[in-house]
Amino acid sequence: MTIDELQLADGNYTVEVTMEGGSGRATIESPTALSVEDGQAVAQITWSSNHYDYMIVGGEKYLPVSTDEHSVFEIPVAVFDEGMDVIGDTTAMSTPHEVEYTLTFASDSIRGEGGSAAGKSGSATAAAGIVIIVAAAAIAAVVMRKKRNTKA
């Protein structure tokens, strides 16, 4: 599933992410932060180690935004609910090694900043708001008619 299919509005979310590959010693934080801007999704990947000096995603090299306690990367998410192949270069061994991983971002776990489920619910919420406004206007019209009829 793509970001277009999910119809996520621009904003900040969280998403569950699983990782396969590597030696099994390194992990990543889940859920992770997910931001959407102009139809592009970017995940903040936080490794259990601060020994990752770059990641390669879709043939592009990404440098960490932090290496204090953990290596933290901001990478694009092109697909949800399917494995996305990435490479993490670790310097934890005697020489740097590029390690292949597969990350899977679960679309059904996406939550907005308030913790509510994301996805197409934004348009459903807007539609519900319109229904409420129309209903309120209809009730107001009936009340106004009744007031006019009782004055006559």
Protein backbone atom coordinates (compact mmCIF):
# COMPACT_ATOMS: atom_id res chain seq x y z
CA MET A 1 0.00 0.00 0.00
CA THR A 2 1.34 3.46 -0.89
CA ILE A 3 1.01 6.79 0.88
CA ASP A 4 -1.43 7.90 -1.87
CA GLU A 5 -3.63 4.87 -1.24
CA LEU A 6 -3.64 5.59 2.50
CA GLN A 7 -4.78 9.18 1.86
CA LEU A 8 -2.89 10.47 4.90
CA ALA A 9 -3.15 14.20 5.47
CA ASP A 10 -0.01 16.21 6.12
CA GLY A 11 0.92 15.82 9.77
CA ASN A 12 2.70 13.75 12.39
CA TYR A 13 1.87 10.15 13.17
CA THR A 14 3.34 7.00 14.70
CA VAL A 15 3.57 3.62 12.99
CA GLU A 16 4.61 0.12 14.04
CA VAL A 17 7.68 -1.09 12.17
CA THR A 18 9.25 -4.55 12.15
CA MET A 19 12.76 -5.42 11.05
CA GLU A 20 14.20 -8.60 9.57
CA GLY A 21 17.79 -9.37 8.67
CA GLY A 22 21.14 -8.65 10.20
CA SER A 23 22.65 -10.61 13.07
CA GLY A 24 19.66 -10.11 15.35
CA ARG A 25 21.65 -8.05 17.86
CA ALA A 26 20.52 -4.64 16.60
CA THR A 27 16.92 -3.51 16.95
CA ILE A 28 14.91 -0.45 15.98
CA GLU A 29 12.37 1.45 18.03
CA SER A 30 8.72 0.71 17.36
CA PRO A 31 6.37 2.44 17.09
CA THR A 32 8.34 5.10 15.29
CA ALA A 33 7.57 8.68 14.33
CA LEU A 34 6.12 9.17 10.84
CA SER A 35 5.66 12.56 9.22
CA VAL A 36 3.71 13.25 6.04
CA GLU A 37 4.27 16.36 3.99
CA ASP A 38 3.13 17.01 0.42
CA GLY A 39 2.27 13.35 -0.07
CA GLN A 40 5.67 12.09 1.11
CA ALA A 41 6.08 9.91 4.21
CA VAL A 42 9.27 10.03 6.28
CA ALA A 43 9.96 7.67 9.19
CA GLN A 44 12.36 8.35 12.03
CA ILE A 45 14.36 5.15 12.51
CA THR A 46 16.04 4.88 15.91
CA TRP A 47 18.57 2.08 16.22
CA SER A 48 19.45 0.34 19.50
CA SER A 49 23.07 1.30 18.82
CA ASN A 50 24.86 4.53 17.95
CA HIS A 51 27.22 2.67 15.61
CA TYR A 52 25.25 3.17 12.39
CA ASP A 53 26.88 5.86 10.25
CA TYR A 54 24.58 5.72 7.21
CA MET A 55 21.60 3.96 5.69
CA ILE A 56 20.82 3.30 2.05
CA VAL A 57 17.16 3.38 1.06
CA GLY A 58 16.04 3.12 -2.56
CA GLY A 59 19.62 3.59 -3.72
CA GLU A 60 19.97 6.88 -1.78
CA LYS A 61 22.39 7.34 1.12
CA TYR A 62 21.02 8.91 4.33
CA LEU A 63 23.18 10.21 7.15
CA PRO A 64 22.05 10.14 10.78
CA VAL A 65 20.30 13.14 12.29
CA SER A 66 21.70 12.06 15.68
CA THR A 67 24.31 9.62 16.99
CA ASP A 68 24.25 10.61 20.65
CA GLU A 69 22.80 7.60 22.44
CA HIS A 70 21.33 5.94 19.33
CA SER A 71 21.79 6.35 15.59
CA VAL A 72 18.66 8.11 14.34
CA PHE A 73 17.78 8.44 10.65
CA GLU A 74 14.95 10.09 8.75
CA ILE A 75 14.16 7.91 5.73
CA PRO A 76 11.39 7.92 3.13
CA VAL A 77 8.68 5.29 3.35
CA ALA A 78 7.56 4.30 -0.14
CA VAL A 79 5.38 1.35 0.82
CA PHE A 80 3.34 0.07 3.76
CA ASP A 81 2.45 -3.54 4.64
CA GLU A 82 5.25 -4.86 2.40
CA GLY A 83 8.93 -5.34 3.10
CA MET A 84 11.18 -2.42 2.22
CA ASP A 85 14.84 -3.32 1.70
CA VAL A 86 17.37 -1.04 3.37
CA ILE A 87 21.06 -1.17 4.20
CA GLY A 88 22.55 -0.02 7.48
CA ASP A 89 26.29 0.54 7.74
CA THR A 90 27.55 -0.40 11.18
CA THR A 91 30.91 0.55 12.63
CA ALA A 92 30.48 -1.70 15.67
CA MET A 93 32.76 -4.38 14.20
CA SER A 94 36.49 -4.11 13.51
CA THR A 95 35.71 -2.69 10.07
CA PRO A 96 32.48 -1.04 8.84
CA HIS A 97 29.91 -3.45 7.37
CA GLU A 98 26.86 -2.79 5.25
CA VAL A 99 24.08 -4.98 6.62
CA GLU A 100 20.87 -5.72 4.70
CA TYR A 101 17.56 -5.36 6.52
CA THR A 102 13.90 -5.44 5.56
CA LEU A 103 11.60 -2.94 7.27
CA THR A 104 7.83 -3.35 7.22
CA PHE A 105 5.57 -0.45 8.21
CA ALA A 106 2.07 -1.59 9.29
CA SER A 107 -0.58 0.73 7.83
CA ASP A 108 -3.23 -0.44 10.30
CA SER A 109 -1.06 0.79 13.18
CA ILE A 110 -0.78 4.40 12.00
CA ARG A 111 -1.98 6.78 14.70
CA GLY A 112 -2.29 10.56 14.65
CA GLU A 113 -0.70 12.81 17.26
CA GLY A 114 -3.72 12.35 19.54
CA GLY A 115 -3.43 8.56 19.28
CA SER A 116 -6.45 8.14 17.00
CA ALA A 117 -6.35 5.83 14.01
CA ALA A 118 -5.28 7.54 10.81
CA GLY A 119 -6.00 6.90 7.17
CA LYS A 120 -9.19 7.70 5.37
CA SER A 121 -10.84 8.68 8.66
CA GLY A 122 -9.91 12.32 8.03
CA SER A 123 -12.37 12.58 5.14
CA ALA A 124 -14.94 10.58 7.11
CA THR A 125 -14.57 13.00 10.02
CA ALA A 126 -15.03 15.97 7.69
CA ALA A 127 -18.15 14.36 6.19
CA ALA A 128 -19.55 13.72 9.68
CA GLY A 129 -18.90 17.36 10.56
CA ILE A 130 -20.85 18.50 7.49
CA VAL A 131 -23.76 16.21 8.43
CA ILE A 132 -23.83 17.72 11.93
CA ILE A 133 -23.83 21.28 10.54
CA VAL A 134 -26.65 20.47 8.10
CA ALA A 135 -28.67 18.79 10.88
CA ALA A 136 -28.15 21.78 13.17
CA ALA A 137 -29.25 24.15 10.40
CA ALA A 138 -32.39 22.06 9.78
CA ILE A 139 -33.24 22.05 13.51
CA ALA A 140 -32.70 25.81 13.70
CA ALA A 141 -35.00 26.31 10.71
CA VAL A 142 -37.75 24.23 12.34
CA VAL A 143 -37.41 26.13 15.63
CA MET A 144 -37.54 29.48 13.81
CA ARG A 145 -40.67 28.39 11.90
CA LYS A 146 -42.37 27.31 15.11
CA LYS A 147 -41.51 30.62 16.78
CA ARG A 148 -42.96 32.54 13.83
CA ASN A 149 -46.14 30.41 13.86
CA THR A 150 -46.71 30.90 17.60
CA LYS A 151 -46.41 34.71 17.30
CA ALA A 152 -49.15 34.92 14.65
